[in-house]
Amino acid sequence: SFLIKPQLAISLPVVFGTLVIFRWNSQRK
């Protein structure tokens, strides 16, 4: 998405953070 339009990568930290929280909730990392 960054290659298509760089501004679209702005939501990466939010989605990444959500995945980390889900990972920690299910696996206690």
PDB file of all heavy atoms in Angstrom:
ATOM      1  N   SER A   1       0.837  -1.205   0.000  1.00  0.00           N
ATOM      2  CA  SER A   1       0.000   0.000   0.000  1.00  0.00           C
ATOM      3  C   SER A   1       0.870   1.252   0.000  1.00  0.00           C
ATOM      4  O   SER A   1       0.512   2.261  -0.622  1.00  0.00           O
ATOM      5  CB  SER A   1      -0.960   0.001   1.193  1.00  0.00           C
ATOM      6  OG  SER A   1      -0.268   0.213   2.397  1.00  0.00           O
ATOM      7  N   PHE A   2       2.018   1.189   0.666  1.00  0.00           N
ATOM      8  CA  PHE A   2       2.948   2.319   0.685  1.00  0.00           C
ATOM      9  C   PHE A   2       3.465   2.636  -0.715  1.00  0.00           C
ATOM     10  O   PHE A   2       3.636   3.797  -1.071  1.00  0.00           O
ATOM     11  CB  PHE A   2       4.116   2.009   1.624  1.00  0.00           C
ATOM     12  CG  PHE A   2       5.128   3.115   1.732  1.00  0.00           C
ATOM     13  CD1 PHE A   2       4.914   4.185   2.575  1.00  0.00           C
ATOM     14  CD2 PHE A   2       6.298   3.077   0.990  1.00  0.00           C
ATOM     15  CE1 PHE A   2       5.847   5.206   2.678  1.00  0.00           C
ATOM     16  CE2 PHE A   2       7.235   4.091   1.076  1.00  0.00           C
ATOM     17  CZ  PHE A   2       7.007   5.166   1.928  1.00  0.00           C
ATOM     18  N   LEU A   3       3.703   1.597  -1.508  1.00  0.00           N
ATOM     19  CA  LEU A   3       4.154   1.814  -2.886  1.00  0.00           C
ATOM     20  C   LEU A   3       3.083   2.503  -3.724  1.00  0.00           C
ATOM     21  O   LEU A   3       3.398   3.289  -4.621  1.00  0.00           O
ATOM     22  CB  LEU A   3       4.515   0.482  -3.549  1.00  0.00           C
ATOM     23  CG  LEU A   3       5.843  -0.128  -3.168  1.00  0.00           C
ATOM     24  CD1 LEU A   3       5.999  -1.487  -3.828  1.00  0.00           C
ATOM     25  CD2 LEU A   3       6.988   0.778  -3.547  1.00  0.00           C
ATOM     26  N   ILE A   4       1.835   2.198  -3.455  1.00  0.00           N
ATOM     27  CA  ILE A   4       0.740   2.784  -4.228  1.00  0.00           C
ATOM     28  C   ILE A   4       0.496   4.225  -3.807  1.00  0.00           C
ATOM     29  O   ILE A   4       0.363   5.122  -4.636  1.00  0.00           O
ATOM     30  CB  ILE A   4      -0.536   1.934  -4.094  1.00  0.00           C
ATOM     31  CG1 ILE A   4      -0.279   0.539  -4.662  1.00  0.00           C
ATOM     32  CG2 ILE A   4      -1.718   2.604  -4.781  1.00  0.00           C
ATOM     33  CD1 ILE A   4      -1.338  -0.479  -4.331  1.00  0.00           C
ATOM     34  N   LYS A   5       0.419   4.448  -2.496  1.00  0.00           N
ATOM     35  CA  LYS A   5       0.233   5.796  -1.954  1.00  0.00           C
ATOM     36  C   LYS A   5       0.807   5.799  -0.538  1.00  0.00           C
ATOM     37  O   LYS A   5       0.234   5.169   0.356  1.00  0.00           O
ATOM     38  CB  LYS A   5      -1.242   6.186  -1.952  1.00  0.00           C
ATOM     39  CG  LYS A   5      -1.463   7.639  -1.625  1.00  0.00           C
ATOM     40  CD  LYS A   5      -2.847   8.097  -1.993  1.00  0.00           C
ATOM     41  CE  LYS A   5      -2.929   9.604  -1.809  1.00  0.00           C
ATOM     42  NZ  LYS A   5      -4.213  10.111  -2.216  1.00  0.00           N
ATOM     43  N   PRO A   6       1.922   6.470  -0.316  1.00  0.00           N
ATOM     44  CA  PRO A   6       2.623   6.386   0.970  1.00  0.00           C
ATOM     45  C   PRO A   6       1.769   6.700   2.200  1.00  0.00           C
ATOM     46  O   PRO A   6       1.961   6.094   3.256  1.00  0.00           O
ATOM     47  CB  PRO A   6       3.764   7.397   0.821  1.00  0.00           C
ATOM     48  CG  PRO A   6       4.024   7.440  -0.644  1.00  0.00           C
ATOM     49  CD  PRO A   6       2.675   7.257  -1.296  1.00  0.00           C
ATOM     50  N   GLN A   7       0.813   7.612   2.074  1.00  0.00           N
ATOM     51  CA  GLN A   7      -0.020   7.980   3.221  1.00  0.00           C
ATOM     52  C   GLN A   7      -0.848   6.816   3.748  1.00  0.00           C
ATOM     53  O   GLN A   7      -1.290   6.822   4.887  1.00  0.00           O
ATOM     54  CB  GLN A   7      -0.972   9.128   2.864  1.00  0.00           C
ATOM     55  CG  GLN A   7      -0.297  10.401   2.436  1.00  0.00           C
ATOM     56  CD  GLN A   7      -0.096  10.503   0.943  1.00  0.00           C
ATOM     57  OE1 GLN A   7       0.291   9.543   0.295  1.00  0.00           O
ATOM     58  NE2 GLN A   7      -0.324  11.677   0.380  1.00  0.00           N
ATOM     59  N   LEU A   8      -1.086   5.809   2.934  1.00  0.00           N
ATOM     60  CA  LEU A   8      -1.923   4.687   3.362  1.00  0.00           C
ATOM     61  C   LEU A   8      -1.261   3.839   4.438  1.00  0.00           C
ATOM     62  O   LEU A   8      -1.937   3.086   5.131  1.00  0.00           O
ATOM     63  CB  LEU A   8      -2.291   3.816   2.155  1.00  0.00           C
ATOM     64  CG  LEU A   8      -3.232   4.481   1.157  1.00  0.00           C
ATOM     65  CD1 LEU A   8      -3.378   3.617  -0.090  1.00  0.00           C
ATOM     66  CD2 LEU A   8      -4.584   4.744   1.777  1.00  0.00           C
ATOM     67  N   ALA A   9       0.041   3.965   4.608  1.00  0.00           N
ATOM     68  CA  ALA A   9       0.737   3.186   5.640  1.00  0.00           C
ATOM     69  C   ALA A   9       0.565   3.788   7.027  1.00  0.00           C
ATOM     70  O   ALA A   9       1.063   3.219   8.001  1.00  0.00           O
ATOM     71  CB  ALA A   9       2.213   3.065   5.288  1.00  0.00           C
ATOM     72  N   ILE A  10      -0.171   4.876   7.142  1.00  0.00           N
ATOM     73  CA  ILE A  10      -0.331   5.546   8.424  1.00  0.00           C
ATOM     74  C   ILE A  10      -1.042   4.662   9.458  1.00  0.00           C
ATOM     75  O   ILE A  10      -0.825   4.796  10.654  1.00  0.00           O
ATOM     76  CB  ILE A  10      -1.063   6.899   8.266  1.00  0.00           C
ATOM     77  CG1 ILE A  10      -0.888   7.744   9.509  1.00  0.00           C
ATOM     78  CG2 ILE A  10      -2.530   6.694   7.939  1.00  0.00           C
ATOM     79  CD1 ILE A  10      -1.332   9.179   9.341  1.00  0.00           C
ATOM     80  N   SER A  11      -1.853   3.736   8.997  1.00  0.00           N
ATOM     81  CA  SER A  11      -2.578   2.881   9.941  1.00  0.00           C
ATOM     82  C   SER A  11      -1.792   1.637  10.344  1.00  0.00           C
ATOM     83  O   SER A  11      -2.267   0.864  11.173  1.00  0.00           O
ATOM     84  CB  SER A  11      -3.936   2.485   9.360  1.00  0.00           C
ATOM     85  OG  SER A  11      -3.767   1.826   8.122  1.00  0.00           O
ATOM     86  N   LEU A  12      -0.600   1.445   9.816  1.00  0.00           N
ATOM     87  CA  LEU A  12       0.211   0.284  10.189  1.00  0.00           C
ATOM     88  C   LEU A  12       0.444   0.195  11.694  1.00  0.00           C
ATOM     89  O   LEU A  12       0.256  -0.881  12.275  1.00  0.00           O
ATOM     90  CB  LEU A  12       1.542   0.272   9.426  1.00  0.00           C
ATOM     91  CG  LEU A  12       2.549  -0.803   9.841  1.00  0.00           C
ATOM     92  CD1 LEU A  12       1.985  -2.203   9.645  1.00  0.00           C
ATOM     93  CD2 LEU A  12       3.849  -0.656   9.065  1.00  0.00           C
ATOM     94  N   PRO A  13       0.845   1.275  12.396  1.00  0.00           N
ATOM     95  CA  PRO A  13       1.065   1.140  13.836  1.00  0.00           C
ATOM     96  C   PRO A  13      -0.186   0.698  14.612  1.00  0.00           C
ATOM     97  O   PRO A  13      -0.086  -0.063  15.573  1.00  0.00           O
ATOM     98  CB  PRO A  13       1.514   2.529  14.277  1.00  0.00           C
ATOM     99  CG  PRO A  13       2.034   3.172  13.045  1.00  0.00           C
ATOM    100  CD  PRO A  13       1.236   2.593  11.899  1.00  0.00           C
ATOM    101  N   VAL A  14      -1.347   1.148  14.165  1.00  0.00           N
ATOM    102  CA  VAL A  14      -2.588   0.777  14.853  1.00  0.00           C
ATOM    103  C   VAL A  14      -2.886  -0.712  14.666  1.00  0.00           C
ATOM    104  O   VAL A  14      -3.183  -1.427  15.629  1.00  0.00           O
ATOM    105  CB  VAL A  14      -3.773   1.641  14.350  1.00  0.00           C
ATOM    106  CG1 VAL A  14      -5.081   1.173  14.949  1.00  0.00           C
ATOM    107  CG2 VAL A  14      -3.517   3.100  14.654  1.00  0.00           C
ATOM    108  N   VAL A  15      -2.791  -1.189  13.434  1.00  0.00           N
ATOM    109  CA  VAL A  15      -3.061  -2.602  13.161  1.00  0.00           C
ATOM    110  C   VAL A  15      -1.984  -3.469  13.805  1.00  0.00           C
ATOM    111  O   VAL A  15      -2.291  -4.507  14.406  1.00  0.00           O
ATOM    112  CB  VAL A  15      -3.167  -2.866  11.643  1.00  0.00           C
ATOM    113  CG1 VAL A  15      -3.419  -4.330  11.358  1.00  0.00           C
ATOM    114  CG2 VAL A  15      -4.269  -2.010  11.030  1.00  0.00           C
ATOM    115  N   PHE A  16      -0.727  -3.024  13.737  1.00  0.00           N
ATOM    116  CA  PHE A  16       0.365  -3.762  14.378  1.00  0.00           C
ATOM    117  C   PHE A  16       0.132  -3.852  15.892  1.00  0.00           C
ATOM    118  O   PHE A  16       0.246  -4.923  16.487  1.00  0.00           O
ATOM    119  CB  PHE A  16       1.714  -3.076  14.095  1.00  0.00           C
ATOM    120  CG  PHE A  16       2.858  -3.690  14.821  1.00  0.00           C
ATOM    121  CD1 PHE A  16       3.468  -4.840  14.345  1.00  0.00           C
ATOM    122  CD2 PHE A  16       3.340  -3.130  16.000  1.00  0.00           C
ATOM    123  CE1 PHE A  16       4.525  -5.418  15.018  1.00  0.00           C
ATOM    124  CE2 PHE A  16       4.393  -3.697  16.681  1.00  0.00           C
ATOM    125  CZ  PHE A  16       4.986  -4.840  16.192  1.00  0.00           C
ATOM    126  N   GLY A  17      -0.198  -2.727  16.512  1.00  0.00           N
ATOM    127  CA  GLY A  17      -0.465  -2.718  17.958  1.00  0.00           C
ATOM    128  C   GLY A  17      -1.619  -3.621  18.337  1.00  0.00           C
ATOM    129  O   GLY A  17      -1.561  -4.328  19.356  1.00  0.00           O
ATOM    130  N   THR A  18      -2.655  -3.623  17.526  1.00  0.00           N
ATOM    131  CA  THR A  18      -3.801  -4.497  17.782  1.00  0.00           C
ATOM    132  C   THR A  18      -3.384  -5.965  17.712  1.00  0.00           C
ATOM    133  O   THR A  18      -3.760  -6.767  18.571  1.00  0.00           O
ATOM    134  CB  THR A  18      -4.926  -4.218  16.766  1.00  0.00           C
ATOM    135  OG1 THR A  18      -5.271  -2.835  16.834  1.00  0.00           O
ATOM    136  CG2 THR A  18      -6.143  -5.065  17.040  1.00  0.00           C
ATOM    137  N   LEU A  19      -2.586  -6.310  16.711  1.00  0.00           N
ATOM    138  CA  LEU A  19      -2.103  -7.693  16.590  1.00  0.00           C
ATOM    139  C   LEU A  19      -1.236  -8.083  17.782  1.00  0.00           C
ATOM    140  O   LEU A  19      -1.344  -9.212  18.291  1.00  0.00           O
ATOM    141  CB  LEU A  19      -1.307  -7.877  15.302  1.00  0.00           C
ATOM    142  CG  LEU A  19      -2.068  -8.342  14.079  1.00  0.00           C
ATOM    143  CD1 LEU A  19      -1.117  -8.534  12.907  1.00  0.00           C
ATOM    144  CD2 LEU A  19      -2.854  -9.587  14.336  1.00  0.00           C
ATOM    145  N   VAL A  20      -0.386  -7.170  18.230  1.00  0.00           N
ATOM    146  CA  VAL A  20       0.463  -7.463  19.393  1.00  0.00           C
ATOM    147  C   VAL A  20      -0.396  -7.700  20.623  1.00  0.00           C
ATOM    148  O   VAL A  20      -0.160  -8.647  21.389  1.00  0.00           O
ATOM    149  CB  VAL A  20       1.484  -6.318  19.624  1.00  0.00           C
ATOM    150  CG1 VAL A  20       2.154  -6.448  20.974  1.00  0.00           C
ATOM    151  CG2 VAL A  20       2.521  -6.302  18.525  1.00  0.00           C
ATOM    152  N   ILE A  21      -1.399  -6.863  20.830  1.00  0.00           N
ATOM    153  CA  ILE A  21      -2.293  -7.039  21.986  1.00  0.00           C
ATOM    154  C   ILE A  21      -3.012  -8.381  21.911  1.00  0.00           C
ATOM    155  O   ILE A  21      -3.096  -9.106  22.904  1.00  0.00           O
ATOM    156  CB  ILE A  21      -3.293  -5.860  22.079  1.00  0.00           C
ATOM    157  CG1 ILE A  21      -2.547  -4.594  22.474  1.00  0.00           C
ATOM    158  CG2 ILE A  21      -4.415  -6.169  23.057  1.00  0.00           C
ATOM    159  CD1 ILE A  21      -3.354  -3.324  22.347  1.00  0.00           C
ATOM    160  N   PHE A  22      -3.507  -8.738  20.740  1.00  0.00           N
ATOM    161  CA  PHE A  22      -4.170 -10.038  20.571  1.00  0.00           C
ATOM    162  C   PHE A  22      -3.183 -11.176  20.827  1.00  0.00           C
ATOM    163  O   PHE A  22      -3.531 -12.184  21.427  1.00  0.00           O
ATOM    164  CB  PHE A  22      -4.761 -10.167  19.164  1.00  0.00           C
ATOM    165  CG  PHE A  22      -6.144  -9.602  19.034  1.00  0.00           C
ATOM    166  CD1 PHE A  22      -6.393  -8.254  19.218  1.00  0.00           C
ATOM    167  CD2 PHE A  22      -7.209 -10.425  18.713  1.00  0.00           C
ATOM    168  CE1 PHE A  22      -7.660  -7.739  19.091  1.00  0.00           C
ATOM    169  CE2 PHE A  22      -8.492  -9.913  18.567  1.00  0.00           C
ATOM    170  CZ  PHE A  22      -8.717  -8.567  18.768  1.00  0.00           C
ATOM    171  N   ARG A  23      -1.951 -11.005  20.356  1.00  0.00           N
ATOM    172  CA  ARG A  23      -0.917 -12.028  20.565  1.00  0.00           C
ATOM    173  C   ARG A  23      -0.630 -12.192  22.053  1.00  0.00           C
ATOM    174  O   ARG A  23      -0.533 -13.309  22.552  1.00  0.00           O
ATOM    175  CB  ARG A  23       0.351 -11.650  19.795  1.00  0.00           C
ATOM    176  CG  ARG A  23       1.477 -12.657  19.907  1.00  0.00           C
ATOM    177  CD  ARG A  23       2.604 -12.266  18.954  1.00  0.00           C
ATOM    178  NE  ARG A  23       3.819 -13.009  19.161  1.00  0.00           N
ATOM    179  CZ  ARG A  23       4.088 -14.182  18.587  1.00  0.00           C
ATOM    180  NH1 ARG A  23       3.215 -14.734  17.787  1.00  0.00           N
ATOM    181  NH2 ARG A  23       5.236 -14.786  18.825  1.00  0.00           N
ATOM    182  N   TRP A  24      -0.504 -11.088  22.751  1.00  0.00           N
ATOM    183  CA  TRP A  24      -0.191 -11.147  24.180  1.00  0.00           C
ATOM    184  C   TRP A  24      -1.370 -11.690  24.987  1.00  0.00           C
ATOM    185  O   TRP A  24      -1.183 -12.376  25.978  1.00  0.00           O
ATOM    186  CB  TRP A  24       0.228  -9.795  24.690  1.00  0.00           C
ATOM    187  CG  TRP A  24       1.599  -9.379  24.231  1.00  0.00           C
ATOM    188  CD1 TRP A  24       2.436 -10.073  23.406  1.00  0.00           C
ATOM    189  CD2 TRP A  24       2.279  -8.181  24.549  1.00  0.00           C
ATOM    190  NE1 TRP A  24       3.592  -9.375  23.203  1.00  0.00           N
ATOM    191  CE2 TRP A  24       3.538  -8.210  23.892  1.00  0.00           C
ATOM    192  CE3 TRP A  24       1.961  -7.078  25.334  1.00  0.00           C
ATOM    193  CZ2 TRP A  24       4.455  -7.173  24.008  1.00  0.00           C
ATOM    194  CZ3 TRP A  24       2.889  -6.049  25.440  1.00  0.00           C
ATOM    195  CH2 TRP A  24       4.115  -6.105  24.785  1.00  0.00           C
ATOM    196  N   ASN A  25      -2.597 -11.367  24.571  1.00  0.00           N
ATOM    197  CA  ASN A  25      -3.777 -11.892  25.281  1.00  0.00           C
ATOM    198  C   ASN A  25      -3.887 -13.406  25.153  1.00  0.00           C
ATOM    199  O   ASN A  25      -4.305 -14.082  26.079  1.00  0.00           O
ATOM    200  CB  ASN A  25      -5.061 -11.246  24.757  1.00  0.00           C
ATOM    201  CG  ASN A  25      -5.281  -9.877  25.332  1.00  0.00           C
ATOM    202  OD1 ASN A  25      -4.696  -9.497  26.335  1.00  0.00           O
ATOM    203  ND2 ASN A  25      -6.131  -9.110  24.683  1.00  0.00           N
ATOM    204  N   SER A  26      -3.543 -13.925  23.993  1.00  0.00           N
ATOM    205  CA  SER A  26      -3.731 -15.356  23.762  1.00  0.00           C
ATOM    206  C   SER A  26      -2.510 -16.191  24.155  1.00  0.00           C
ATOM    207  O   SER A  26      -2.639 -17.374  24.414  1.00  0.00           O
ATOM    208  CB  SER A  26      -4.075 -15.629  22.292  1.00  0.00           C
ATOM    209  OG  SER A  26      -2.981 -15.302  21.463  1.00  0.00           O
ATOM    210  N   GLN A  27      -1.318 -15.573  24.217  1.00  0.00           N
ATOM    211  CA  GLN A  27      -0.117 -16.374  24.418  1.00  0.00           C
ATOM    212  C   GLN A  27       0.796 -15.870  25.524  1.00  0.00           C
ATOM    213  O   GLN A  27       1.846 -16.446  25.755  1.00  0.00           O
ATOM    214  CB  GLN A  27       0.672 -16.459  23.101  1.00  0.00           C
ATOM    215  CG  GLN A  27      -0.120 -17.116  22.002  1.00  0.00           C
ATOM    216  CD  GLN A  27       0.542 -16.945  20.647  1.00  0.00           C
ATOM    217  OE1 GLN A  27       1.439 -16.140  20.468  1.00  0.00           O
ATOM    218  NE2 GLN A  27       0.079 -17.719  19.676  1.00  0.00           N
ATOM    219  N   ARG A  28       0.483 -14.791  26.194  1.00  0.00           N
ATOM    220  CA  ARG A  28       1.287 -14.260  27.300  1.00  0.00           C
ATOM    221  C   ARG A  28       2.762 -14.115  26.930  1.00  0.00           C
ATOM    222  O   ARG A  28       3.627 -14.782  27.456  1.00  0.00           O
ATOM    223  CB  ARG A  28       1.155 -15.137  28.552  1.00  0.00           C
ATOM    224  CG  ARG A  28      -0.250 -15.368  29.000  1.00  0.00           C
ATOM    225  CD  ARG A  28      -0.809 -14.100  29.616  1.00  0.00           C
ATOM    226  NE  ARG A  28      -2.186 -14.364  30.035  1.00  0.00           N
ATOM    227  CZ  ARG A  28      -3.178 -13.551  29.804  1.00  0.00           C
ATOM    228  NH1 ARG A  28      -2.989 -12.445  29.160  1.00  0.00           N
ATOM    229  NH2 ARG A  28      -4.382 -13.833  30.211  1.00  0.00           N
ATOM    230  N   LYS A  29       3.046 -13.211  26.029  1.00  0.00           N
ATOM    231  CA  LYS A  29       4.409 -12.989  25.547  1.00  0.00           C
ATOM    232  C   LYS A  29       5.077 -11.857  26.330  1.00  0.00           C
ATOM    233  O   LYS A  29       4.409 -11.072  26.999  1.00  0.00           O
ATOM    234  CB  LYS A  29       4.405 -12.643  24.049  1.00  0.00           C
ATOM    235  CG  LYS A  29       3.856 -13.743  23.170  1.00  0.00           C
ATOM    236  CD  LYS A  29       4.837 -14.874  23.095  1.00  0.00           C
ATOM    237  CE  LYS A  29       4.346 -15.937  22.146  1.00  0.00           C
ATOM    238  NZ  LYS A  29       5.291 -16.980  21.913  1.00  0.00           N
TER     239      LYS A  29
END
